[in-house]
């Protein structure tokens, strides 16, 4: 059984991972995965920019989030970031953020090769992982239909997802797509079964 350490106490995330067969643990030591949750915006000064007045950041949460990611990196624990967690992971890896976008507080689609995945997002910022200062290679970036970054695969076995799989139930394409990505990126497994996951 895989063990996941989840930043915070989001009951939806806890329930989602438990439903998928993970053991939720309370220490990174011995964990197989760190999940960084959503929340307030990342402090812009952490990626070298002034606050444009559109960010409601939480410096105390930044201390916890970036501390956990640094510890995970030392321990060799892969990271999956959801929503704000994806943005924080992008900054951790050396990227920047677009401080405000419109139209992503709703359901939309992610283009994943020749597949269209329905997801739900609540973010008003966008990860920009293609900086020249990236610590890890950016292996893949997948976008929403309007061109906004939704998923980033880093060479460090870390994964950023702007959408919220925990808003759905097991068997929904968004939920299954998320865990397919976790298997592929964080655990180097390629077990895609389109019929099983309802994409075909």
N, C-alpha and C. Protein backbone atom coordinates (compact mmCIF):
# COMPACT_ATOMS: atom_id res chain seq x y z
N UNK A 1 0.84 -1.20 0.00
CA UNK A 1 0.00 0.00 0.00
C UNK A 1 0.88 1.25 0.00
N UNK A 2 0.62 2.15 -0.94
CA UNK A 2 1.36 3.41 -0.97
C UNK A 2 0.95 4.31 0.18
N UNK A 3 1.91 5.10 0.65
CA UNK A 3 1.65 6.01 1.76
C UNK A 3 1.79 7.44 1.25
N UNK A 4 0.80 8.27 1.56
CA UNK A 4 0.80 9.67 1.13
C UNK A 4 0.73 10.59 2.34
N UNK A 5 1.55 11.62 2.33
CA UNK A 5 1.47 12.69 3.32
C UNK A 5 0.78 13.86 2.64
N UNK A 6 -0.32 14.33 3.22
CA UNK A 6 -1.10 15.41 2.62
C UNK A 6 -0.92 16.67 3.45
N UNK A 7 -0.46 17.74 2.80
CA UNK A 7 -0.36 19.03 3.48
C UNK A 7 -1.76 19.46 3.92
N UNK A 8 -1.90 19.87 5.18
CA UNK A 8 -3.20 20.31 5.67
C UNK A 8 -4.10 19.14 6.02
N UNK A 9 -5.37 19.45 6.23
CA UNK A 9 -6.34 18.43 6.66
C UNK A 9 -7.59 18.44 5.79
N UNK A 10 -7.39 18.63 4.49
CA UNK A 10 -8.53 18.68 3.57
C UNK A 10 -9.20 17.30 3.53
N UNK A 11 -10.43 17.23 4.02
CA UNK A 11 -11.10 15.93 4.12
C UNK A 11 -11.39 15.33 2.76
N UNK A 12 -11.57 16.18 1.73
CA UNK A 12 -11.82 15.65 0.40
C UNK A 12 -10.58 14.95 -0.16
N UNK A 13 -9.41 15.55 0.06
CA UNK A 13 -8.17 14.92 -0.39
C UNK A 13 -7.90 13.63 0.37
N UNK A 14 -8.10 13.68 1.67
CA UNK A 14 -7.88 12.49 2.49
C UNK A 14 -8.79 11.35 2.01
N UNK A 15 -10.07 11.65 1.81
CA UNK A 15 -11.02 10.65 1.36
C UNK A 15 -10.65 10.12 -0.02
N UNK A 16 -10.22 11.02 -0.91
CA UNK A 16 -9.88 10.61 -2.28
C UNK A 16 -8.73 9.61 -2.27
N UNK A 17 -7.65 9.93 -1.56
CA UNK A 17 -6.50 9.04 -1.55
C UNK A 17 -6.83 7.72 -0.86
N UNK A 18 -7.61 7.78 0.22
CA UNK A 18 -7.99 6.54 0.90
C UNK A 18 -8.86 5.67 -0.01
N UNK A 19 -9.76 6.28 -0.74
CA UNK A 19 -10.61 5.53 -1.65
C UNK A 19 -9.78 4.85 -2.73
N UNK A 20 -8.69 5.51 -3.13
CA UNK A 20 -7.82 4.95 -4.17
C UNK A 20 -6.83 3.92 -3.60
N UNK A 21 -6.90 3.67 -2.30
CA UNK A 21 -6.10 2.62 -1.70
C UNK A 21 -4.82 3.07 -1.04
N UNK A 22 -4.63 4.37 -0.87
CA UNK A 22 -3.45 4.90 -0.19
C UNK A 22 -3.67 4.91 1.31
N UNK A 23 -2.58 4.78 2.05
CA UNK A 23 -2.59 5.04 3.48
C UNK A 23 -2.16 6.48 3.70
N UNK A 24 -2.99 7.26 4.39
CA UNK A 24 -2.65 8.65 4.70
C UNK A 24 -1.83 8.66 5.98
N UNK A 25 -0.59 9.16 5.88
CA UNK A 25 0.33 9.15 7.02
C UNK A 25 0.57 10.58 7.49
N UNK A 26 1.17 10.72 8.66
CA UNK A 26 1.32 12.03 9.28
C UNK A 26 2.78 12.47 9.39
N UNK A 27 3.63 11.86 8.58
CA UNK A 27 5.04 12.24 8.51
C UNK A 27 5.54 11.97 7.11
N UNK A 28 6.43 12.83 6.63
CA UNK A 28 7.06 12.57 5.34
C UNK A 28 8.04 11.42 5.40
N UNK A 29 8.56 11.14 6.59
CA UNK A 29 9.50 10.03 6.75
C UNK A 29 8.77 8.71 6.48
N UNK A 30 9.18 8.03 5.46
CA UNK A 30 8.52 6.78 5.10
C UNK A 30 7.38 6.94 4.13
N UNK A 31 7.01 8.19 3.78
CA UNK A 31 5.93 8.41 2.81
C UNK A 31 6.43 8.12 1.40
N UNK A 32 5.51 7.72 0.54
CA UNK A 32 5.82 7.48 -0.87
C UNK A 32 5.48 8.67 -1.74
N UNK A 33 4.68 9.60 -1.20
CA UNK A 33 4.18 10.72 -1.99
C UNK A 33 3.82 11.87 -1.06
N UNK A 34 4.14 13.09 -1.48
CA UNK A 34 3.67 14.31 -0.82
C UNK A 34 2.62 14.96 -1.70
N UNK A 35 1.45 15.24 -1.14
CA UNK A 35 0.42 15.99 -1.86
C UNK A 35 0.33 17.39 -1.27
N UNK A 36 0.57 18.39 -2.11
CA UNK A 36 0.50 19.79 -1.70
C UNK A 36 -0.86 20.34 -2.13
N UNK A 37 -1.60 20.87 -1.17
CA UNK A 37 -3.00 21.22 -1.40
C UNK A 37 -3.17 22.63 -1.97
N UNK A 38 -4.44 22.98 -2.20
CA UNK A 38 -4.80 24.30 -2.66
C UNK A 38 -4.84 25.30 -1.52
N UNK A 39 -5.26 26.53 -1.83
CA UNK A 39 -5.34 27.57 -0.81
C UNK A 39 -5.00 28.93 -1.38
N UNK A 40 -4.49 29.80 -0.52
CA UNK A 40 -4.17 31.18 -0.91
C UNK A 40 -3.06 31.22 -1.94
N UNK A 41 -2.95 32.35 -2.63
CA UNK A 41 -1.93 32.51 -3.66
C UNK A 41 -0.52 32.45 -3.07
N UNK A 42 0.42 32.04 -3.91
CA UNK A 42 1.84 32.05 -3.53
C UNK A 42 2.34 33.49 -3.53
N UNK A 43 3.13 33.84 -2.53
CA UNK A 43 3.69 35.20 -2.43
C UNK A 43 4.55 35.49 -3.65
N UNK A 44 4.22 36.54 -4.45
CA UNK A 44 4.94 36.79 -5.70
C UNK A 44 6.44 37.02 -5.54
N UNK A 45 6.84 37.58 -4.41
CA UNK A 45 8.27 37.82 -4.20
C UNK A 45 9.08 36.53 -4.23
N UNK A 46 8.43 35.39 -3.99
CA UNK A 46 9.13 34.10 -4.01
C UNK A 46 9.54 33.69 -5.41
N UNK A 47 8.89 34.28 -6.43
CA UNK A 47 9.33 34.02 -7.80
C UNK A 47 9.83 35.30 -8.47
N UNK A 48 10.28 36.25 -7.62
CA UNK A 48 11.01 37.41 -8.11
C UNK A 48 10.18 38.50 -8.73
N UNK A 49 8.89 38.58 -8.35
CA UNK A 49 8.02 39.61 -8.91
C UNK A 49 7.32 40.38 -7.80
N UNK A 50 6.94 41.61 -8.11
CA UNK A 50 6.16 42.40 -7.18
C UNK A 50 4.71 41.95 -7.22
N UNK A 51 4.02 42.12 -6.10
CA UNK A 51 2.60 41.79 -6.05
C UNK A 51 1.82 42.82 -6.86
N UNK A 52 1.10 42.36 -7.87
CA UNK A 52 0.35 43.26 -8.74
C UNK A 52 -0.98 43.68 -8.13
N UNK A 53 -1.21 43.29 -6.89
CA UNK A 53 -2.44 43.67 -6.21
C UNK A 53 -3.59 42.74 -6.47
N UNK A 54 -3.32 41.62 -7.15
CA UNK A 54 -4.36 40.66 -7.49
C UNK A 54 -4.24 39.38 -6.69
N UNK A 55 -3.24 39.34 -5.79
CA UNK A 55 -2.95 38.11 -5.05
C UNK A 55 -3.32 38.25 -3.58
N UNK A 56 -4.07 37.29 -3.09
CA UNK A 56 -4.34 37.19 -1.66
C UNK A 56 -3.46 36.13 -1.07
N UNK A 57 -2.19 36.47 -0.84
CA UNK A 57 -1.21 35.45 -0.44
C UNK A 57 -1.21 35.24 1.08
N UNK A 58 -0.59 34.15 1.49
CA UNK A 58 -0.51 33.75 2.88
C UNK A 58 0.93 33.31 3.14
N UNK A 59 1.74 34.20 3.72
CA UNK A 59 3.15 33.91 3.90
C UNK A 59 3.37 32.75 4.87
N UNK A 60 2.51 32.62 5.87
CA UNK A 60 2.66 31.51 6.81
C UNK A 60 2.46 30.16 6.11
N UNK A 61 1.48 30.11 5.21
CA UNK A 61 1.26 28.87 4.45
C UNK A 61 2.43 28.61 3.52
N UNK A 62 3.00 29.67 2.95
CA UNK A 62 4.18 29.50 2.08
C UNK A 62 5.32 28.84 2.84
N UNK A 63 5.53 29.24 4.09
CA UNK A 63 6.61 28.65 4.89
C UNK A 63 6.41 27.15 5.02
N UNK A 64 5.17 26.74 5.30
CA UNK A 64 4.87 25.31 5.46
C UNK A 64 5.03 24.59 4.13
N UNK A 65 4.42 25.12 3.08
CA UNK A 65 4.41 24.46 1.78
C UNK A 65 5.82 24.28 1.24
N UNK A 66 6.59 25.37 1.22
CA UNK A 66 7.92 25.28 0.63
C UNK A 66 8.88 24.50 1.52
N UNK A 67 8.64 24.52 2.82
CA UNK A 67 9.43 23.68 3.71
C UNK A 67 9.18 22.20 3.47
N UNK A 68 7.91 21.83 3.28
CA UNK A 68 7.58 20.44 2.99
C UNK A 68 8.18 19.98 1.67
N UNK A 69 8.11 20.84 0.65
CA UNK A 69 8.65 20.45 -0.65
C UNK A 69 10.16 20.31 -0.60
N UNK A 70 10.83 21.18 0.15
CA UNK A 70 12.29 21.06 0.30
C UNK A 70 12.65 19.76 1.01
N UNK A 71 11.88 19.42 2.04
CA UNK A 71 12.13 18.19 2.78
C UNK A 71 11.88 16.97 1.88
N UNK A 72 10.80 17.01 1.11
CA UNK A 72 10.50 15.91 0.20
C UNK A 72 11.62 15.72 -0.81
N UNK A 73 12.16 16.82 -1.31
CA UNK A 73 13.25 16.74 -2.28
C UNK A 73 14.48 16.06 -1.65
N UNK A 74 14.79 16.41 -0.41
CA UNK A 74 15.92 15.80 0.28
C UNK A 74 15.69 14.30 0.48
N UNK A 75 14.46 13.93 0.81
CA UNK A 75 14.13 12.54 1.09
C UNK A 75 13.87 11.71 -0.17
N UNK A 76 13.77 12.38 -1.30
CA UNK A 76 13.47 11.67 -2.54
C UNK A 76 12.03 11.26 -2.67
N UNK A 77 11.14 12.01 -2.03
CA UNK A 77 9.70 11.72 -2.09
C UNK A 77 9.08 12.54 -3.22
N UNK A 78 8.44 11.92 -4.21
CA UNK A 78 7.80 12.69 -5.28
C UNK A 78 6.66 13.55 -4.75
N UNK A 79 6.40 14.64 -5.47
CA UNK A 79 5.41 15.63 -5.05
C UNK A 79 4.32 15.73 -6.11
N UNK A 80 3.07 15.77 -5.68
CA UNK A 80 1.97 16.14 -6.56
C UNK A 80 1.31 17.38 -5.96
N UNK A 81 1.19 18.41 -6.77
CA UNK A 81 0.55 19.65 -6.33
C UNK A 81 -0.79 19.83 -7.01
N UNK A 82 -1.80 20.21 -6.23
CA UNK A 82 -3.15 20.44 -6.76
C UNK A 82 -3.49 21.91 -6.59
N UNK A 83 -3.94 22.55 -7.67
CA UNK A 83 -4.35 23.97 -7.69
C UNK A 83 -3.19 24.84 -7.20
N UNK A 84 -3.33 25.51 -6.06
CA UNK A 84 -2.23 26.30 -5.51
C UNK A 84 -0.98 25.45 -5.35
N UNK A 85 -1.16 24.17 -5.00
CA UNK A 85 -0.03 23.28 -4.85
C UNK A 85 0.76 23.13 -6.15
N UNK A 86 0.05 23.12 -7.27
CA UNK A 86 0.70 23.07 -8.58
C UNK A 86 1.50 24.34 -8.84
N UNK A 87 0.93 25.48 -8.45
CA UNK A 87 1.63 26.76 -8.63
C UNK A 87 2.85 26.84 -7.72
N UNK A 88 2.69 26.40 -6.46
CA UNK A 88 3.82 26.41 -5.54
C UNK A 88 4.93 25.48 -6.03
N UNK A 89 4.54 24.32 -6.56
CA UNK A 89 5.53 23.39 -7.10
C UNK A 89 6.28 24.00 -8.27
N UNK A 90 5.58 24.72 -9.12
CA UNK A 90 6.22 25.41 -10.24
C UNK A 90 7.27 26.38 -9.73
N UNK A 91 6.94 27.15 -8.71
CA UNK A 91 7.91 28.10 -8.13
C UNK A 91 9.06 27.35 -7.48
N UNK A 92 8.76 26.27 -6.77
CA UNK A 92 9.80 25.44 -6.15
C UNK A 92 10.79 24.93 -7.20
N UNK A 93 10.28 24.60 -8.39
CA UNK A 93 11.13 24.08 -9.45
C UNK A 93 11.84 25.18 -10.24
N UNK A 94 11.56 26.45 -9.90
CA UNK A 94 12.25 27.56 -10.55
C UNK A 94 11.42 28.36 -11.53
N UNK A 95 10.12 28.04 -11.63
CA UNK A 95 9.26 28.74 -12.56
C UNK A 95 8.62 29.98 -11.95
N UNK A 96 7.72 30.57 -12.72
CA UNK A 96 7.01 31.77 -12.30
C UNK A 96 5.51 31.52 -12.43
N UNK A 97 4.72 32.54 -12.05
CA UNK A 97 3.27 32.45 -12.15
C UNK A 97 2.73 33.65 -12.90
N UNK A 98 1.68 33.41 -13.66
CA UNK A 98 0.85 34.49 -14.18
C UNK A 98 -0.11 34.86 -13.05
N UNK A 99 -0.04 36.08 -12.56
CA UNK A 99 -0.76 36.43 -11.33
C UNK A 99 -2.27 36.51 -11.48
N UNK A 100 -2.78 36.62 -12.68
CA UNK A 100 -4.24 36.61 -12.81
C UNK A 100 -4.66 36.19 -14.21
N UNK A 101 -5.58 35.24 -14.25
CA UNK A 101 -6.24 34.84 -15.49
C UNK A 101 -7.74 34.78 -15.21
N UNK A 102 -8.52 34.82 -16.26
CA UNK A 102 -9.97 34.73 -16.13
C UNK A 102 -10.47 33.39 -16.66
N UNK A 103 -11.62 32.98 -16.20
CA UNK A 103 -12.33 31.86 -16.82
C UNK A 103 -11.98 30.48 -16.31
N UNK A 104 -11.22 30.38 -15.20
CA UNK A 104 -10.88 29.04 -14.73
C UNK A 104 -11.44 28.76 -13.34
N UNK A 105 -12.57 29.36 -13.05
CA UNK A 105 -13.30 29.03 -11.84
C UNK A 105 -14.51 28.18 -12.18
N UNK A 106 -14.33 27.24 -13.10
CA UNK A 106 -15.47 26.47 -13.61
C UNK A 106 -14.97 25.17 -14.22
N UNK A 107 -15.90 24.40 -14.74
CA UNK A 107 -15.55 23.17 -15.45
C UNK A 107 -15.06 23.49 -16.85
N UNK A 108 -14.06 22.76 -17.30
CA UNK A 108 -13.56 22.90 -18.66
C UNK A 108 -12.83 21.62 -19.03
N UNK A 109 -12.10 21.62 -20.13
CA UNK A 109 -11.43 20.41 -20.61
C UNK A 109 -9.92 20.59 -20.65
N UNK A 110 -9.21 19.48 -20.42
CA UNK A 110 -7.76 19.42 -20.63
C UNK A 110 -7.51 18.59 -21.88
N UNK A 111 -6.63 19.09 -22.75
CA UNK A 111 -6.25 18.36 -23.95
C UNK A 111 -5.03 17.52 -23.62
N UNK A 112 -5.17 16.19 -23.69
CA UNK A 112 -4.11 15.26 -23.34
C UNK A 112 -3.88 14.33 -24.52
N UNK A 113 -2.98 14.74 -25.41
CA UNK A 113 -2.80 14.00 -26.65
C UNK A 113 -4.06 14.08 -27.49
N UNK A 114 -4.60 12.93 -27.85
CA UNK A 114 -5.84 12.92 -28.62
C UNK A 114 -7.07 12.74 -27.75
N UNK A 115 -6.89 12.90 -26.44
CA UNK A 115 -7.98 12.74 -25.48
C UNK A 115 -8.39 14.10 -24.92
N UNK A 116 -9.68 14.23 -24.65
CA UNK A 116 -10.23 15.44 -24.02
C UNK A 116 -10.77 15.04 -22.66
N UNK A 117 -10.19 15.62 -21.58
CA UNK A 117 -10.54 15.22 -20.23
C UNK A 117 -11.34 16.33 -19.56
N UNK A 118 -12.57 16.09 -19.13
CA UNK A 118 -13.34 17.11 -18.41
C UNK A 118 -12.83 17.24 -16.98
N UNK A 119 -12.53 18.47 -16.57
CA UNK A 119 -12.01 18.73 -15.22
C UNK A 119 -12.75 19.92 -14.62
N UNK A 120 -12.48 20.17 -13.34
CA UNK A 120 -13.03 21.35 -12.67
C UNK A 120 -11.91 22.09 -11.99
N UNK A 121 -11.81 23.39 -12.23
CA UNK A 121 -10.75 24.20 -11.64
C UNK A 121 -11.35 25.40 -10.92
N UNK A 122 -10.60 25.93 -9.96
CA UNK A 122 -11.04 27.13 -9.23
C UNK A 122 -9.89 28.13 -9.11
N UNK A 123 -8.95 28.10 -10.05
CA UNK A 123 -7.76 28.94 -9.92
C UNK A 123 -7.86 30.21 -10.75
N UNK A 124 -7.23 31.29 -10.26
CA UNK A 124 -7.17 32.52 -11.03
C UNK A 124 -5.72 32.87 -11.38
N UNK A 125 -4.79 31.95 -11.07
CA UNK A 125 -3.40 32.12 -11.44
C UNK A 125 -2.97 30.94 -12.30
N UNK A 126 -1.83 31.10 -12.99
CA UNK A 126 -1.38 30.06 -13.92
C UNK A 126 0.10 29.79 -13.71
N UNK A 127 0.45 28.51 -13.60
CA UNK A 127 1.86 28.12 -13.55
C UNK A 127 2.52 28.44 -14.89
N UNK A 128 3.73 28.94 -14.83
CA UNK A 128 4.53 29.20 -16.03
C UNK A 128 5.86 28.46 -15.87
N UNK A 129 5.86 27.17 -16.22
CA UNK A 129 6.99 26.31 -15.89
C UNK A 129 8.13 26.31 -16.89
N UNK A 130 8.11 27.19 -17.87
CA UNK A 130 9.13 27.14 -18.91
C UNK A 130 10.16 28.25 -18.74
N UNK A 131 10.49 28.57 -17.50
CA UNK A 131 11.51 29.57 -17.19
C UNK A 131 12.90 29.02 -17.49
N UNK A 132 13.85 29.91 -17.75
CA UNK A 132 15.24 29.49 -17.96
C UNK A 132 15.92 29.11 -16.66
N UNK A 133 15.22 29.29 -15.54
CA UNK A 133 15.81 29.02 -14.23
C UNK A 133 15.28 27.73 -13.60
N UNK A 134 14.66 26.87 -14.40
CA UNK A 134 14.08 25.65 -13.85
C UNK A 134 15.17 24.74 -13.29
N UNK A 135 14.90 24.16 -12.11
CA UNK A 135 15.84 23.21 -11.49
C UNK A 135 15.74 21.84 -12.15
N UNK A 136 14.54 21.45 -12.53
CA UNK A 136 14.31 20.15 -13.14
C UNK A 136 13.81 20.35 -14.57
N UNK A 137 14.09 19.37 -15.42
CA UNK A 137 13.56 19.43 -16.78
C UNK A 137 12.03 19.39 -16.74
N UNK A 138 11.42 20.15 -17.62
CA UNK A 138 9.97 20.07 -17.80
C UNK A 138 9.73 19.10 -18.95
N UNK A 139 9.22 17.92 -18.62
CA UNK A 139 9.09 16.87 -19.63
C UNK A 139 7.84 17.04 -20.48
N UNK A 140 6.75 17.46 -19.85
CA UNK A 140 5.50 17.64 -20.58
C UNK A 140 4.66 18.72 -19.93
N UNK A 141 3.95 19.46 -20.76
CA UNK A 141 2.96 20.42 -20.30
C UNK A 141 1.68 20.18 -21.09
N UNK A 142 0.56 20.06 -20.38
CA UNK A 142 -0.72 19.89 -21.03
C UNK A 142 -1.62 21.08 -20.67
N UNK A 143 -2.45 21.47 -21.63
CA UNK A 143 -3.18 22.73 -21.54
C UNK A 143 -4.69 22.51 -21.58
N UNK A 144 -5.39 23.51 -21.03
CA UNK A 144 -6.83 23.59 -21.26
C UNK A 144 -7.07 24.01 -22.70
N UNK A 145 -8.30 23.90 -23.14
CA UNK A 145 -8.61 24.24 -24.53
C UNK A 145 -8.36 25.70 -24.85
N UNK A 146 -8.33 26.57 -23.82
CA UNK A 146 -8.04 27.99 -24.07
C UNK A 146 -6.55 28.31 -23.98
N UNK A 147 -5.70 27.29 -23.83
CA UNK A 147 -4.25 27.50 -23.83
C UNK A 147 -3.63 27.71 -22.46
N UNK A 148 -4.42 27.67 -21.39
CA UNK A 148 -3.89 27.83 -20.04
C UNK A 148 -3.26 26.52 -19.58
N UNK A 149 -2.09 26.62 -18.94
CA UNK A 149 -1.41 25.43 -18.42
C UNK A 149 -2.26 24.77 -17.34
N UNK A 150 -2.51 23.47 -17.49
CA UNK A 150 -3.29 22.73 -16.49
C UNK A 150 -2.47 21.64 -15.81
N UNK A 151 -1.54 21.01 -16.53
CA UNK A 151 -0.76 19.90 -15.98
C UNK A 151 0.70 20.07 -16.40
N UNK A 152 1.61 19.86 -15.44
CA UNK A 152 3.04 19.91 -15.74
C UNK A 152 3.73 18.68 -15.17
N UNK A 153 4.51 18.01 -16.01
CA UNK A 153 5.32 16.88 -15.60
C UNK A 153 6.78 17.30 -15.53
N UNK A 154 7.38 17.19 -14.34
CA UNK A 154 8.77 17.56 -14.14
C UNK A 154 9.66 16.31 -14.13
N UNK A 155 10.89 16.47 -14.57
CA UNK A 155 11.84 15.36 -14.60
C UNK A 155 12.21 14.84 -13.23
N UNK A 156 11.85 15.58 -12.19
CA UNK A 156 12.11 15.19 -10.81
C UNK A 156 11.06 14.24 -10.26
N UNK A 157 10.20 13.68 -11.14
CA UNK A 157 9.07 12.83 -10.74
C UNK A 157 8.00 13.61 -9.99
N UNK A 158 7.96 14.91 -10.18
CA UNK A 158 6.95 15.76 -9.57
C UNK A 158 5.89 16.13 -10.59
N UNK A 159 4.67 16.34 -10.10
CA UNK A 159 3.51 16.56 -10.97
C UNK A 159 2.69 17.73 -10.45
N UNK A 160 2.37 18.66 -11.33
CA UNK A 160 1.49 19.77 -10.99
C UNK A 160 0.18 19.67 -11.75
N UNK A 161 -0.94 19.72 -11.02
CA UNK A 161 -2.27 19.68 -11.63
C UNK A 161 -3.07 20.88 -11.13
N UNK A 162 -3.50 21.73 -12.04
CA UNK A 162 -4.28 22.90 -11.64
C UNK A 162 -5.72 22.53 -11.27
N UNK A 163 -6.20 21.39 -11.75
CA UNK A 163 -7.60 21.03 -11.53
C UNK A 163 -7.77 20.27 -10.21
N UNK A 164 -9.04 20.05 -9.84
CA UNK A 164 -9.39 19.45 -8.55
C UNK A 164 -10.05 18.08 -8.74
N UNK A 165 -9.28 16.99 -8.71
CA UNK A 165 -9.91 15.67 -8.85
C UNK A 165 -10.77 15.30 -7.65
N UNK A 166 -10.46 15.90 -6.48
CA UNK A 166 -11.18 15.54 -5.26
C UNK A 166 -12.62 16.04 -5.27
N UNK A 167 -12.98 16.87 -6.24
CA UNK A 167 -14.36 17.33 -6.35
C UNK A 167 -15.28 16.26 -6.95
N UNK A 168 -14.68 15.18 -7.42
CA UNK A 168 -15.46 14.15 -8.11
C UNK A 168 -15.38 12.83 -7.34
N UNK A 169 -16.05 11.82 -7.87
CA UNK A 169 -16.02 10.48 -7.28
C UNK A 169 -15.18 9.55 -8.15
N UNK A 170 -14.71 8.48 -7.52
CA UNK A 170 -13.94 7.47 -8.25
C UNK A 170 -14.75 6.99 -9.45
N UNK A 171 -14.11 6.90 -10.59
CA UNK A 171 -14.78 6.53 -11.82
C UNK A 171 -15.05 7.70 -12.74
N UNK A 172 -15.05 8.93 -12.18
CA UNK A 172 -15.19 10.10 -13.04
C UNK A 172 -13.89 10.29 -13.81
N UNK A 173 -13.94 10.72 -15.09
CA UNK A 173 -12.72 10.88 -15.87
C UNK A 173 -11.66 11.78 -15.22
N UNK A 174 -12.07 12.83 -14.52
CA UNK A 174 -11.10 13.73 -13.89
C UNK A 174 -10.33 13.02 -12.78
N UNK A 175 -11.06 12.28 -11.94
CA UNK A 175 -10.44 11.50 -10.86
C UNK A 175 -9.46 10.48 -11.43
N UNK A 176 -9.94 9.69 -12.41
CA UNK A 176 -9.10 8.63 -12.97
C UNK A 176 -7.90 9.19 -13.72
N UNK A 177 -8.09 10.31 -14.40
CA UNK A 177 -6.99 10.97 -15.11
C UNK A 177 -5.91 11.40 -14.12
N UNK A 178 -6.33 11.95 -12.99
CA UNK A 178 -5.37 12.39 -11.98
C UNK A 178 -4.51 11.22 -11.50
N UNK A 179 -5.13 10.10 -11.16
CA UNK A 179 -4.35 8.98 -10.64
C UNK A 179 -3.55 8.28 -11.74
N UNK A 180 -4.03 8.35 -12.96
CA UNK A 180 -3.21 7.89 -14.09
C UNK A 180 -1.92 8.71 -14.18
N UNK A 181 -2.05 10.04 -14.04
CA UNK A 181 -0.88 10.90 -14.09
C UNK A 181 0.06 10.65 -12.91
N UNK A 182 -0.50 10.46 -11.72
CA UNK A 182 0.34 10.16 -10.54
C UNK A 182 1.13 8.89 -10.77
N UNK A 183 0.48 7.85 -11.28
CA UNK A 183 1.19 6.59 -11.57
C UNK A 183 2.31 6.82 -12.58
N UNK A 184 2.01 7.55 -13.63
CA UNK A 184 2.97 7.75 -14.72
C UNK A 184 4.13 8.63 -14.29
N UNK A 185 3.84 9.76 -13.67
CA UNK A 185 4.87 10.77 -13.39
C UNK A 185 5.61 10.47 -12.09
N UNK A 186 4.87 10.21 -11.04
CA UNK A 186 5.49 10.07 -9.71
C UNK A 186 6.06 8.68 -9.46
N UNK A 187 5.48 7.66 -10.12
CA UNK A 187 5.89 6.29 -9.85
C UNK A 187 6.39 5.55 -11.10
N UNK A 188 6.54 6.30 -12.21
CA UNK A 188 7.10 5.73 -13.45
C UNK A 188 6.34 4.51 -13.95
N UNK A 189 5.02 4.53 -13.77
CA UNK A 189 4.18 3.45 -14.26
C UNK A 189 3.32 3.96 -15.41
N UNK A 190 3.13 3.15 -16.41
CA UNK A 190 2.27 3.53 -17.52
C UNK A 190 1.19 2.46 -17.65
N UNK A 191 0.09 2.66 -16.95
CA UNK A 191 -0.95 1.62 -16.87
C UNK A 191 -2.26 2.12 -17.48
N UNK A 192 -2.16 3.07 -18.41
CA UNK A 192 -3.39 3.63 -18.99
C UNK A 192 -4.25 2.55 -19.63
N UNK A 193 -5.48 2.55 -19.25
CA UNK A 193 -6.47 1.65 -19.82
C UNK A 193 -7.70 2.49 -20.13
N UNK A 194 -7.82 2.93 -21.36
CA UNK A 194 -8.88 3.86 -21.73
C UNK A 194 -10.26 3.31 -21.47
N UNK A 195 -10.45 2.00 -21.73
CA UNK A 195 -11.78 1.43 -21.49
C UNK A 195 -12.08 1.39 -19.99
N UNK A 196 -11.06 1.01 -19.19
CA UNK A 196 -11.26 0.95 -17.74
C UNK A 196 -11.64 2.31 -17.20
N UNK A 197 -10.96 3.36 -17.69
CA UNK A 197 -11.16 4.69 -17.12
C UNK A 197 -12.27 5.47 -17.84
N UNK A 198 -12.93 4.86 -18.80
CA UNK A 198 -14.09 5.50 -19.39
C UNK A 198 -13.79 6.57 -20.42
N UNK A 199 -12.58 6.52 -21.02
CA UNK A 199 -12.24 7.55 -22.01
C UNK A 199 -12.61 7.12 -23.42
N UNK A 200 -12.84 5.83 -23.64
CA UNK A 200 -13.11 5.36 -24.99
C UNK A 200 -14.61 5.25 -25.26
